Amino acid sequence: MRGSPLLRTAVVLLALLGLILPLRSLTNAGGKNAPLASRAAAAVPVRLTITCTTAPFHFQISALGKVIWEGESTTSSSSKILMMQFPSEGVDLVVEASWPGKKETAIRIEAARGENAPIARTLWGTERVSDVVTLAAPP
């Protein structure tokens, strides 16, 4: 490019100044996303079922840093309907379970939201298990 370095610098600065408004609107955390966030926060009834191959067992299930279900079961399975946030992309649950005896045991977590098919994951452990389970509908 020919021309004075001062003229080239002035053209580059004008081009950068022209980008300030579009960049600001793209990076501004304005109120446009607020309605979407409030819609995602709605609680819906979800049927959670926990099944263990060893009985009795003690369990605790947490979501978003809050314990949503805790208990001791003398049977191999227990279920409960909870009001919780369950967006269409799924939910992360922290599952902690323990049982007497030192044997390999499977814990199955199943969630059903409304009339949708249940989503399930299985964890394995000896004496106890503690893991994060993501329950999301298949794409």
Protein backbone atom coordinates (compact mmCIF):
# COMPACT_ATOMS: atom_id res chain seq x y z
CA MET A 1 0.00 0.00 0.00
CA ARG A 2 1.36 3.38 -0.91
CA GLY A 3 0.95 6.57 1.01
CA SER A 4 2.03 8.26 4.14
CA PRO A 5 2.39 6.13 7.33
CA LEU A 6 0.49 8.83 9.18
CA LEU A 7 -2.42 8.58 6.73
CA ARG A 8 -2.47 4.76 7.03
CA THR A 9 -2.50 5.00 10.84
CA ALA A 10 -5.40 7.46 10.72
CA VAL A 11 -7.42 5.10 8.45
CA VAL A 12 -6.78 2.13 10.79
CA LEU A 13 -7.82 4.19 13.84
CA LEU A 14 -11.05 5.28 12.11
CA ALA A 15 -11.83 1.66 11.22
CA LEU A 16 -11.26 0.58 14.84
CA LEU A 17 -13.45 3.40 16.14
CA GLY A 18 -16.18 2.26 13.75
CA LEU A 19 -16.12 -1.19 15.40
CA ILE A 20 -16.66 0.09 18.94
CA LEU A 21 -20.48 0.22 18.81
CA PRO A 22 -21.03 -3.22 17.25
CA LEU A 23 -18.54 -4.82 19.67
CA ARG A 24 -20.14 -3.12 22.64
CA SER A 25 -23.61 -4.34 21.71
CA LEU A 26 -22.31 -7.90 21.24
CA THR A 27 -20.45 -8.01 24.56
CA ASN A 28 -22.93 -6.04 26.66
CA ALA A 29 -24.68 -8.22 29.28
CA GLY A 30 -27.93 -6.35 28.89
CA GLY A 31 -31.41 -7.52 29.74
CA LYS A 32 -31.95 -9.45 26.50
CA ASN A 33 -30.95 -12.78 28.11
CA ALA A 34 -32.90 -12.27 31.34
CA PRO A 35 -36.27 -13.67 30.13
CA LEU A 36 -34.54 -16.82 28.85
CA ALA A 37 -32.82 -17.35 32.21
CA SER A 38 -36.07 -16.91 34.12
CA ARG A 39 -37.84 -19.44 31.88
CA ALA A 40 -35.12 -22.03 32.55
CA ALA A 41 -35.53 -21.58 36.31
CA ALA A 42 -39.07 -22.97 36.41
CA ALA A 43 -39.43 -26.09 38.52
CA VAL A 44 -41.23 -29.11 37.05
CA PRO A 45 -42.30 -32.42 38.62
CA VAL A 46 -39.65 -35.09 38.06
CA ARG A 47 -39.95 -38.70 39.18
CA LEU A 48 -36.59 -39.90 40.50
CA THR A 49 -35.95 -43.59 41.10
CA ILE A 50 -32.84 -45.03 42.71
CA THR A 51 -32.17 -48.76 42.51
CA CYS A 52 -29.33 -50.61 44.24
CA THR A 53 -28.24 -54.24 43.88
CA THR A 54 -27.45 -54.31 47.62
CA ALA A 55 -30.04 -53.59 50.30
CA PRO A 56 -30.14 -51.79 52.68
CA PHE A 57 -28.39 -48.70 51.35
CA HIS A 58 -28.12 -45.03 52.23
CA PHE A 59 -28.21 -42.36 49.50
CA GLN A 60 -28.08 -38.62 48.97
CA ILE A 61 -28.86 -36.82 45.69
CA SER A 62 -27.95 -33.15 45.15
CA ALA A 63 -28.69 -30.72 42.34
CA LEU A 64 -27.30 -27.21 41.97
CA GLY A 65 -25.45 -27.54 45.29
CA LYS A 66 -28.61 -28.38 47.26
CA VAL A 67 -29.64 -31.78 48.64
CA ILE A 68 -32.92 -32.67 46.92
CA TRP A 69 -33.39 -36.20 48.27
CA GLU A 70 -31.76 -38.18 51.03
CA GLY A 71 -32.76 -41.43 52.63
CA GLU A 72 -32.16 -44.99 53.69
CA SER A 73 -33.83 -47.81 51.81
CA THR A 74 -34.32 -51.35 53.06
CA THR A 75 -35.61 -52.47 49.67
CA SER A 76 -33.67 -52.53 46.42
CA SER A 77 -35.53 -49.55 44.93
CA SER A 78 -37.00 -46.24 46.06
CA SER A 79 -38.73 -43.47 44.10
CA LYS A 80 -40.05 -39.99 44.74
CA ILE A 81 -41.64 -37.16 42.75
CA LEU A 82 -39.74 -33.89 43.24
CA MET A 83 -40.26 -30.36 41.99
CA MET A 84 -36.92 -29.37 40.45
CA GLN A 85 -35.32 -27.49 37.59
CA PHE A 86 -34.93 -29.89 34.66
CA PRO A 87 -34.10 -28.03 31.43
CA SER A 88 -34.39 -29.84 28.10
CA GLU A 89 -30.60 -30.14 27.88
CA GLY A 90 -30.56 -32.17 31.10
CA VAL A 91 -29.52 -31.86 34.72
CA ASP A 92 -26.40 -32.74 36.70
CA LEU A 93 -27.04 -34.73 39.86
CA VAL A 94 -24.44 -35.51 42.53
CA VAL A 95 -25.15 -39.04 43.72
CA GLU A 96 -23.64 -40.42 46.91
CA ALA A 97 -24.57 -43.86 48.19
CA SER A 98 -23.17 -46.35 50.70
CA TRP A 99 -24.08 -49.85 51.85
CA PRO A 100 -22.85 -52.34 54.42
CA GLY A 101 -20.34 -54.91 53.29
CA LYS A 102 -17.45 -54.71 50.89
CA LYS A 103 -18.90 -55.92 47.60
CA GLU A 104 -19.25 -54.64 44.06
CA THR A 105 -22.64 -52.94 43.76
CA ALA A 106 -24.53 -51.08 41.04
CA ILE A 107 -26.63 -47.97 41.68
CA ARG A 108 -29.08 -46.93 38.96
CA ILE A 109 -30.54 -43.39 38.86
CA GLU A 110 -33.60 -42.85 36.70
CA ALA A 111 -35.47 -39.59 36.05
CA ALA A 112 -38.76 -39.16 34.21
CA ARG A 113 -40.13 -35.70 33.42
CA GLY A 114 -43.81 -35.65 32.57
CA GLU A 115 -44.76 -38.13 29.84
CA ASN A 116 -41.19 -38.29 28.49
CA ALA A 117 -39.34 -41.60 28.51
CA PRO A 118 -37.18 -42.08 31.63
CA ILE A 119 -33.47 -41.28 31.46
CA ALA A 120 -31.16 -43.55 33.45
CA ARG A 121 -27.47 -43.90 34.37
CA THR A 122 -25.67 -46.59 36.35
CA LEU A 123 -22.78 -46.19 38.80
CA TRP A 124 -20.60 -48.97 40.24
CA GLY A 125 -18.67 -49.06 43.50
CA THR A 126 -17.43 -51.10 46.45
CA GLU A 127 -18.79 -50.00 49.87
CA ARG A 128 -19.77 -46.57 48.50
CA VAL A 129 -20.12 -44.50 45.35
CA SER A 130 -19.93 -40.74 44.82
CA ASP A 131 -20.16 -39.27 41.32
CA VAL A 132 -21.84 -36.66 39.14
CA VAL A 133 -24.51 -38.06 36.84
CA THR A 134 -25.76 -36.04 33.87
CA LEU A 135 -29.29 -36.97 32.92
CA ALA A 136 -30.09 -35.64 29.46
CA ALA A 137 -32.41 -36.88 26.75
CA PRO A 138 -30.61 -38.39 23.76
CA PRO A 139 -30.34 -36.02 20.78
